[in-house]
Protein backbone atom coordinates (compact mmCIF):
# COMPACT_ATOMS: atom_id res chain seq x y z
CA MET A 1 -14.59 -70.42 -36.10
CA ASP A 2 -18.29 -70.91 -35.93
CA GLU A 3 -20.65 -71.03 -38.51
CA ASP A 4 -23.31 -68.22 -38.59
CA ILE A 5 -26.91 -69.53 -38.11
CA THR A 6 -30.04 -67.84 -38.64
CA LYS A 7 -32.99 -67.79 -36.10
CA ASP A 8 -36.38 -66.31 -36.99
CA ILE A 9 -38.87 -65.54 -34.17
CA THR A 10 -42.46 -64.68 -34.55
CA ILE A 11 -44.26 -62.69 -32.06
CA ASP A 12 -47.36 -61.03 -31.59
CA ASP A 13 -46.82 -57.21 -32.89
CA SER A 14 -48.39 -56.16 -29.69
CA LEU A 15 -45.38 -57.40 -28.21
CA THR A 16 -42.81 -55.37 -30.50
CA SER A 17 -42.71 -52.12 -27.98
CA ALA A 18 -41.48 -53.96 -25.17
CA ILE A 19 -38.52 -55.37 -27.55
CA ILE A 20 -37.87 -52.04 -28.96
CA GLY A 21 -38.26 -50.05 -25.83
CA PRO A 22 -38.50 -46.31 -25.20
CA LYS A 23 -36.73 -44.86 -27.87
CA GLY A 24 -35.11 -48.08 -28.97
CA ALA A 25 -33.35 -48.52 -25.56
CA THR A 26 -34.03 -51.61 -24.97
CA ILE A 27 -33.06 -53.31 -27.98
CA LYS A 28 -29.74 -50.84 -28.43
CA SER A 29 -28.97 -52.71 -24.89
CA VAL A 30 -29.50 -55.99 -26.21
CA ARG A 31 -27.63 -55.39 -29.36
CA LYS A 32 -24.64 -53.99 -27.56
CA LYS A 33 -24.11 -57.05 -25.57
CA THR A 34 -23.75 -59.56 -28.47
CA THR A 35 -22.22 -59.39 -31.86
CA ALA A 36 -25.14 -61.33 -33.22
CA MET A 37 -27.59 -59.16 -35.65
CA ILE A 38 -30.96 -58.40 -34.88
CA LYS A 39 -33.49 -57.86 -37.19
CA ILE A 40 -36.79 -56.47 -36.40
CA GLY A 41 -39.71 -56.16 -39.14
CA ASP A 42 -40.87 -52.88 -39.92
CA ASP A 43 -44.67 -52.21 -40.11
CA ASP A 44 -44.85 -53.10 -43.79
CA SER A 45 -43.85 -56.67 -42.86
CA VAL A 46 -46.69 -57.42 -40.00
CA VAL A 47 -49.26 -60.38 -41.33
CA ASP A 48 -51.98 -61.50 -39.14
CA GLY A 49 -51.02 -59.61 -36.14
CA THR A 50 -47.24 -60.99 -35.89
CA ARG A 51 -43.81 -59.66 -36.73
CA LYS A 52 -40.90 -61.39 -37.14
CA ILE A 53 -37.60 -60.57 -35.78
CA MET A 54 -34.28 -62.42 -37.25
CA ILE A 55 -30.94 -63.14 -35.57
CA THR A 56 -27.72 -64.01 -37.15
CA GLY A 57 -24.58 -65.16 -35.87
CA ALA A 58 -22.43 -67.71 -34.14
CA MET A 59 -24.61 -70.28 -32.51
CA LYS A 60 -23.63 -68.62 -28.92
CA GLU A 61 -24.44 -65.55 -29.39
CA VAL A 62 -27.93 -66.30 -31.31
CA MET A 63 -28.86 -68.06 -28.05
CA TRP A 64 -27.88 -65.55 -26.40
CA ALA A 65 -29.85 -62.91 -28.27
CA PHE A 66 -32.78 -65.28 -27.97
CA ASN A 67 -32.54 -65.64 -24.78
CA SER A 68 -32.90 -61.84 -23.91
CA ILE A 69 -35.47 -61.25 -26.30
CA LYS A 70 -37.46 -64.12 -25.06
CA GLN A 71 -36.99 -62.55 -21.38
CA LEU A 72 -38.37 -59.46 -22.48
CA ILE A 73 -41.36 -60.83 -23.81
CA GLN A 74 -41.91 -62.79 -20.79
CA GLU A 75 -41.40 -60.17 -18.38
CA SER A 76 -44.21 -57.91 -20.76
CA GLN A 77 -46.74 -61.12 -20.84
CA ILE A 78 -46.47 -61.18 -17.32
CA LYS A 79 -47.64 -57.72 -16.95
CA ARG A 80 -49.90 -58.35 -19.23
CA ASP A 81 -51.30 -61.44 -18.08
CA ASP A 82 -51.67 -59.97 -14.55
CA GLN A 83 -53.64 -56.97 -16.12
CA ASN A 84 -56.05 -59.43 -17.92
CA LYS A 85 -55.45 -62.86 -15.88
CA THR A 86 -55.66 -64.54 -19.29
CA GLY A 87 -52.98 -67.15 -18.73
CA ARG A 88 -50.96 -68.22 -21.68
CA THR A 89 -51.25 -66.55 -25.13
CA LYS A 90 -50.20 -67.58 -28.85
CA THR A 91 -46.87 -65.88 -28.43
CA THR A 92 -45.91 -67.82 -25.29
CA VAL A 93 -46.63 -71.05 -27.12
CA MET A 94 -44.59 -69.67 -30.26
CA PHE A 95 -41.57 -68.77 -28.19
CA LEU A 96 -41.82 -72.07 -26.26
CA GLU A 97 -41.52 -73.76 -29.88
CA SER A 98 -38.29 -71.62 -30.55
CA CYS A 99 -36.93 -72.67 -27.38
CA ARG A 100 -37.09 -76.40 -28.46
CA TRP A 101 -35.96 -75.80 -31.63
CA LEU A 102 -32.81 -73.81 -30.37
CA GLN A 103 -32.06 -76.58 -27.64
CA LYS A 104 -32.18 -79.19 -30.56
CA LYS A 105 -30.11 -77.06 -32.90
CA ALA A 106 -27.46 -76.52 -29.89
CA LYS A 107 -26.88 -80.51 -29.19
CA LEU A 108 -25.38 -80.45 -32.93
CA PHE A 109 -22.47 -78.40 -31.88
């Protein structure tokens, strides 16, 4: 039996709507496809324009949920970058760091 892990992700608050989706449909879809628990910080938890997302579960499920959320954010940033032509953002860098953390953690199992 896999031991549960928790992965906290920090995102730019402006990307929250891309993860939640219209009437919560996007995050509901992600939650349906994994046994990992995904908690998105409420509005009161926003600090310096960032919000935390906590994913808890077996390593495989956490990685799947993380990758799904990462894809949603990347798609949102591509749209934003196409509109703004700004290139890499703070959130992209944070996600790259989170990806490295998960890759290192996965090698331990």
